[in-house]
Amino acid sequence: AVVAERDSVVKAASILSERIDDLDGQLQTAREKIDGLERKLKEADVEHAQKLEEAEAQAEQRIGDIKKDAEGARAKADAEIVAVKEEMERSHKVAQSKLT
């Protein structure tokens, strides 16, 4: 009976050992998957940061272009206003000279 009990305990220990080995393998696989996911997440973070920087640079460039366009349009409008004022002054002088 002691031998049978000992054999039963040895068999149970063997089964438990195999189960522990299986669980260790599953744990290792899970750790490898987690490591892979963490790497992908870090890569995505870096890629996202790069895209964000590119978008910011493009936005700044667009703002600069818009400011240049606005300044050019303002300078053109100012020049047109000056030309209209000068024309009005000439017309006024011509009209006054005809009256006198």
N, C-alpha and C. Protein backbone atom coordinates (compact mmCIF):
# COMPACT_ATOMS: atom_id res chain seq x y z
N ALA A 1 0.82 -1.19 0.00
CA ALA A 1 0.00 0.00 0.00
C ALA A 1 0.86 1.26 0.00
N VAL A 2 1.98 1.21 0.72
CA VAL A 2 2.86 2.37 0.77
C VAL A 2 3.50 2.58 -0.60
N VAL A 3 3.85 1.51 -1.25
CA VAL A 3 4.46 1.60 -2.58
C VAL A 3 3.45 2.18 -3.56
N ALA A 4 2.21 1.72 -3.49
CA ALA A 4 1.17 2.22 -4.39
C ALA A 4 0.92 3.70 -4.13
N GLU A 5 0.92 4.06 -2.85
CA GLU A 5 0.70 5.47 -2.50
C GLU A 5 1.88 6.30 -2.99
N ARG A 6 3.09 5.77 -2.81
CA ARG A 6 4.28 6.49 -3.27
C ARG A 6 4.25 6.65 -4.78
N ASP A 7 3.89 5.60 -5.50
CA ASP A 7 3.79 5.67 -6.96
C ASP A 7 2.74 6.69 -7.38
N SER A 8 1.65 6.74 -6.64
CA SER A 8 0.58 7.69 -6.93
C SER A 8 1.07 9.13 -6.73
N VAL A 9 1.83 9.34 -5.65
CA VAL A 9 2.38 10.67 -5.37
C VAL A 9 3.40 11.05 -6.44
N VAL A 10 4.24 10.12 -6.84
CA VAL A 10 5.24 10.38 -7.87
C VAL A 10 4.56 10.71 -9.19
N LYS A 11 3.49 9.97 -9.50
CA LYS A 11 2.75 10.22 -10.75
C LYS A 11 2.10 11.60 -10.69
N ALA A 12 1.51 11.96 -9.55
CA ALA A 12 0.87 13.27 -9.40
C ALA A 12 1.93 14.38 -9.51
N ALA A 13 3.08 14.15 -8.92
CA ALA A 13 4.17 15.13 -8.99
C ALA A 13 4.64 15.29 -10.43
N SER A 14 4.69 14.20 -11.16
CA SER A 14 5.11 14.24 -12.56
C SER A 14 4.09 15.02 -13.39
N ILE A 15 2.81 14.77 -13.13
CA ILE A 15 1.75 15.49 -13.85
C ILE A 15 1.82 16.98 -13.52
N LEU A 16 2.01 17.30 -12.24
CA LEU A 16 2.13 18.70 -11.82
C LEU A 16 3.34 19.36 -12.45
N SER A 17 4.44 18.65 -12.53
CA SER A 17 5.66 19.18 -13.14
C SER A 17 5.43 19.49 -14.62
N GLU A 18 4.76 18.58 -15.32
CA GLU A 18 4.44 18.81 -16.73
C GLU A 18 3.52 20.03 -16.88
N ARG A 19 2.56 20.11 -16.00
CA ARG A 19 1.61 21.24 -16.05
C ARG A 19 2.33 22.56 -15.77
N ILE A 20 3.25 22.54 -14.81
CA ILE A 20 4.05 23.73 -14.51
C ILE A 20 4.89 24.12 -15.72
N ASP A 21 5.49 23.12 -16.38
CA ASP A 21 6.28 23.39 -17.59
C ASP A 21 5.41 24.00 -18.68
N ASP A 22 4.19 23.47 -18.87
CA ASP A 22 3.25 24.02 -19.85
C ASP A 22 2.90 25.47 -19.52
N LEU A 23 2.62 25.71 -18.23
CA LEU A 23 2.27 27.07 -17.81
C LEU A 23 3.45 28.02 -17.98
N ASP A 24 4.66 27.55 -17.70
CA ASP A 24 5.86 28.36 -17.91
C ASP A 24 6.01 28.72 -19.40
N GLY A 25 5.75 27.76 -20.25
CA GLY A 25 5.81 28.00 -21.70
C GLY A 25 4.77 29.03 -22.13
N GLN A 26 3.55 28.90 -21.61
CA GLN A 26 2.50 29.86 -21.94
C GLN A 26 2.86 31.25 -21.42
N LEU A 27 3.44 31.29 -20.21
CA LEU A 27 3.84 32.57 -19.63
C LEU A 27 4.94 33.21 -20.49
N GLN A 28 5.90 32.42 -20.93
CA GLN A 28 6.97 32.94 -21.78
C GLN A 28 6.40 33.47 -23.09
N THR A 29 5.48 32.73 -23.69
CA THR A 29 4.84 33.17 -24.93
C THR A 29 4.09 34.48 -24.71
N ALA A 30 3.38 34.56 -23.60
CA ALA A 30 2.63 35.78 -23.29
C ALA A 30 3.59 36.95 -23.09
N ARG A 31 4.71 36.72 -22.41
CA ARG A 31 5.71 37.79 -22.22
C ARG A 31 6.28 38.25 -23.55
N GLU A 32 6.55 37.31 -24.45
CA GLU A 32 7.07 37.67 -25.77
C GLU A 32 6.05 38.49 -26.55
N LYS A 33 4.77 38.11 -26.45
CA LYS A 33 3.73 38.88 -27.13
C LYS A 33 3.62 40.28 -26.54
N ILE A 34 3.71 40.38 -25.23
CA ILE A 34 3.65 41.69 -24.57
C ILE A 34 4.84 42.54 -25.01
N ASP A 35 6.03 41.94 -25.04
CA ASP A 35 7.22 42.68 -25.49
C ASP A 35 7.03 43.18 -26.92
N GLY A 36 6.49 42.33 -27.78
CA GLY A 36 6.24 42.72 -29.17
C GLY A 36 5.24 43.86 -29.25
N LEU A 37 4.18 43.77 -28.46
CA LEU A 37 3.19 44.85 -28.45
C LEU A 37 3.77 46.15 -27.91
N GLU A 38 4.61 46.05 -26.89
CA GLU A 38 5.25 47.25 -26.35
C GLU A 38 6.16 47.90 -27.39
N ARG A 39 6.89 47.07 -28.15
CA ARG A 39 7.75 47.60 -29.22
C ARG A 39 6.90 48.31 -30.28
N LYS A 40 5.80 47.66 -30.66
CA LYS A 40 4.92 48.28 -31.67
C LYS A 40 4.35 49.58 -31.15
N LEU A 41 3.99 49.62 -29.89
CA LEU A 41 3.44 50.83 -29.30
C LEU A 41 4.48 51.95 -29.29
N LYS A 42 5.71 51.61 -28.94
CA LYS A 42 6.78 52.62 -28.94
C LYS A 42 7.02 53.13 -30.36
N GLU A 43 7.03 52.21 -31.33
CA GLU A 43 7.22 52.60 -32.73
C GLU A 43 6.08 53.51 -33.18
N ALA A 44 4.85 53.16 -32.79
CA ALA A 44 3.69 53.98 -33.15
C ALA A 44 3.79 55.36 -32.50
N ASP A 45 4.26 55.40 -31.26
CA ASP A 45 4.44 56.69 -30.57
C ASP A 45 5.45 57.56 -31.30
N VAL A 46 6.56 56.95 -31.71
CA VAL A 46 7.61 57.70 -32.42
C VAL A 46 7.06 58.18 -33.76
N GLU A 47 6.36 57.30 -34.47
CA GLU A 47 5.78 57.66 -35.76
C GLU A 47 4.75 58.78 -35.59
N HIS A 48 3.93 58.66 -34.57
CA HIS A 48 2.92 59.68 -34.30
C HIS A 48 3.59 61.03 -34.00
N ALA A 49 4.63 61.00 -33.20
CA ALA A 49 5.35 62.24 -32.86
C ALA A 49 5.96 62.87 -34.11
N GLN A 50 6.51 62.03 -35.00
CA GLN A 50 7.10 62.54 -36.23
C GLN A 50 6.02 63.17 -37.11
N LYS A 51 4.88 62.49 -37.24
CA LYS A 51 3.79 63.03 -38.05
C LYS A 51 3.27 64.33 -37.45
N LEU A 52 3.22 64.38 -36.14
CA LEU A 52 2.76 65.60 -35.47
C LEU A 52 3.73 66.75 -35.74
N GLU A 53 5.01 66.47 -35.67
CA GLU A 53 6.02 67.49 -35.96
C GLU A 53 5.91 67.96 -37.42
N GLU A 54 5.71 67.01 -38.33
CA GLU A 54 5.57 67.36 -39.75
C GLU A 54 4.33 68.22 -39.97
N ALA A 55 3.23 67.83 -39.33
CA ALA A 55 2.00 68.60 -39.47
C ALA A 55 2.18 70.01 -38.90
N GLU A 56 2.87 70.12 -37.79
CA GLU A 56 3.13 71.43 -37.19
C GLU A 56 3.99 72.28 -38.12
N ALA A 57 5.02 71.67 -38.69
CA ALA A 57 5.89 72.41 -39.61
C ALA A 57 5.10 72.87 -40.84
N GLN A 58 4.24 72.00 -41.37
CA GLN A 58 3.43 72.37 -42.52
C GLN A 58 2.46 73.50 -42.17
N ALA A 59 1.88 73.41 -40.98
CA ALA A 59 0.96 74.46 -40.55
C ALA A 59 1.69 75.79 -40.42
N GLU A 60 2.89 75.75 -39.84
CA GLU A 60 3.67 76.98 -39.71
C GLU A 60 4.03 77.54 -41.08
N GLN A 61 4.36 76.66 -42.02
CA GLN A 61 4.68 77.09 -43.38
C GLN A 61 3.45 77.74 -44.02
N ARG A 62 2.29 77.11 -43.85
CA ARG A 62 1.05 77.66 -44.41
C ARG A 62 0.74 79.03 -43.79
N ILE A 63 0.92 79.13 -42.49
CA ILE A 63 0.68 80.41 -41.82
C ILE A 63 1.62 81.47 -42.39
N GLY A 64 2.88 81.11 -42.57
CA GLY A 64 3.85 82.04 -43.16
C GLY A 64 3.44 82.45 -44.57
N ASP A 65 3.00 81.47 -45.36
CA ASP A 65 2.55 81.77 -46.72
C ASP A 65 1.34 82.70 -46.72
N ILE A 66 0.41 82.43 -45.82
CA ILE A 66 -0.80 83.25 -45.73
C ILE A 66 -0.43 84.67 -45.30
N LYS A 67 0.49 84.78 -44.34
CA LYS A 67 0.93 86.11 -43.91
C LYS A 67 1.58 86.87 -45.06
N LYS A 68 2.42 86.17 -45.83
CA LYS A 68 3.06 86.82 -46.99
C LYS A 68 2.01 87.27 -48.00
N ASP A 69 1.05 86.38 -48.27
CA ASP A 69 -0.02 86.73 -49.21
C ASP A 69 -0.81 87.93 -48.69
N ALA A 70 -1.11 87.93 -47.40
CA ALA A 70 -1.87 89.04 -46.81
C ALA A 70 -1.07 90.33 -46.89
N GLU A 71 0.22 90.26 -46.59
CA GLU A 71 1.07 91.45 -46.68
C GLU A 71 1.14 91.96 -48.11
N GLY A 72 1.26 91.04 -49.06
CA GLY A 72 1.29 91.43 -50.48
C GLY A 72 -0.02 92.08 -50.89
N ALA A 73 -1.13 91.49 -50.46
CA ALA A 73 -2.44 92.05 -50.79
C ALA A 73 -2.62 93.42 -50.14
N ARG A 74 -2.15 93.57 -48.93
CA ARG A 74 -2.26 94.87 -48.25
C ARG A 74 -1.41 95.92 -48.97
N ALA A 75 -0.19 95.54 -49.34
CA ALA A 75 0.69 96.48 -50.05
C ALA A 75 0.05 96.88 -51.37
N LYS A 76 -0.55 95.92 -52.07
CA LYS A 76 -1.21 96.21 -53.34
C LYS A 76 -2.40 97.15 -53.11
N ALA A 77 -3.20 96.85 -52.08
CA ALA A 77 -4.35 97.71 -51.76
C ALA A 77 -3.89 99.10 -51.38
N ASP A 78 -2.83 99.19 -50.58
CA ASP A 78 -2.29 100.50 -50.20
C ASP A 78 -1.84 101.28 -51.43
N ALA A 79 -1.16 100.59 -52.34
CA ALA A 79 -0.70 101.24 -53.57
C ALA A 79 -1.87 101.72 -54.40
N GLU A 80 -2.92 100.91 -54.47
CA GLU A 80 -4.12 101.30 -55.22
C GLU A 80 -4.79 102.51 -54.57
N ILE A 81 -4.83 102.53 -53.24
CA ILE A 81 -5.42 103.67 -52.53
C ILE A 81 -4.62 104.94 -52.82
N VAL A 82 -3.30 104.83 -52.78
CA VAL A 82 -2.43 105.98 -53.08
C VAL A 82 -2.68 106.44 -54.51
N ALA A 83 -2.77 105.51 -55.44
CA ALA A 83 -2.99 105.87 -56.85
C ALA A 83 -4.34 106.57 -57.01
N VAL A 84 -5.37 106.07 -56.34
CA VAL A 84 -6.69 106.68 -56.41
C VAL A 84 -6.65 108.09 -55.81
N LYS A 85 -5.99 108.24 -54.67
CA LYS A 85 -5.87 109.56 -54.05
C LYS A 85 -5.14 110.54 -54.98
N GLU A 86 -4.05 110.07 -55.58
CA GLU A 86 -3.31 110.94 -56.49
C GLU A 86 -4.17 111.32 -57.69
N GLU A 87 -4.91 110.37 -58.22
CA GLU A 87 -5.80 110.65 -59.35
C GLU A 87 -6.88 111.64 -58.95
N MET A 88 -7.42 111.48 -57.74
CA MET A 88 -8.44 112.40 -57.26
C MET A 88 -7.86 113.80 -57.11
N GLU A 89 -6.64 113.89 -56.58
CA GLU A 89 -6.00 115.19 -56.42
C GLU A 89 -5.75 115.84 -57.78
N ARG A 90 -5.29 115.07 -58.76
CA ARG A 90 -5.08 115.60 -60.10
C ARG A 90 -6.40 116.08 -60.70
N SER A 91 -7.42 115.25 -60.54
CA SER A 91 -8.73 115.61 -61.08
C SER A 91 -9.24 116.88 -60.40
N HIS A 92 -9.02 116.98 -59.12
CA HIS A 92 -9.47 118.14 -58.37
C HIS A 92 -8.73 119.40 -58.85
N LYS A 93 -7.41 119.28 -59.05
CA LYS A 93 -6.61 120.41 -59.53
C LYS A 93 -7.06 120.83 -60.93
N VAL A 94 -7.34 119.83 -61.78
CA VAL A 94 -7.79 120.12 -63.13
C VAL A 94 -9.14 120.83 -63.07
N ALA A 95 -10.03 120.34 -62.22
CA ALA A 95 -11.34 120.96 -62.09
C ALA A 95 -11.22 122.38 -61.56
N GLN A 96 -10.33 122.60 -60.62
CA GLN A 96 -10.15 123.95 -60.06
C GLN A 96 -9.55 124.90 -61.10
N SER A 97 -8.63 124.37 -61.89
CA SER A 97 -8.00 125.24 -62.90
C SER A 97 -9.01 125.63 -63.98
N LYS A 98 -9.97 124.77 -64.25
CA LYS A 98 -11.00 125.10 -65.24
C LYS A 98 -11.98 126.13 -64.69
N LEU A 99 -12.17 126.12 -63.40
CA LEU A 99 -13.08 127.07 -62.76
C LEU A 99 -12.47 128.48 -62.69
N THR A 100 -11.17 128.53 -62.66
CA THR A 100 -10.52 129.86 -62.51
C THR A 100 -10.06 130.44 -63.79
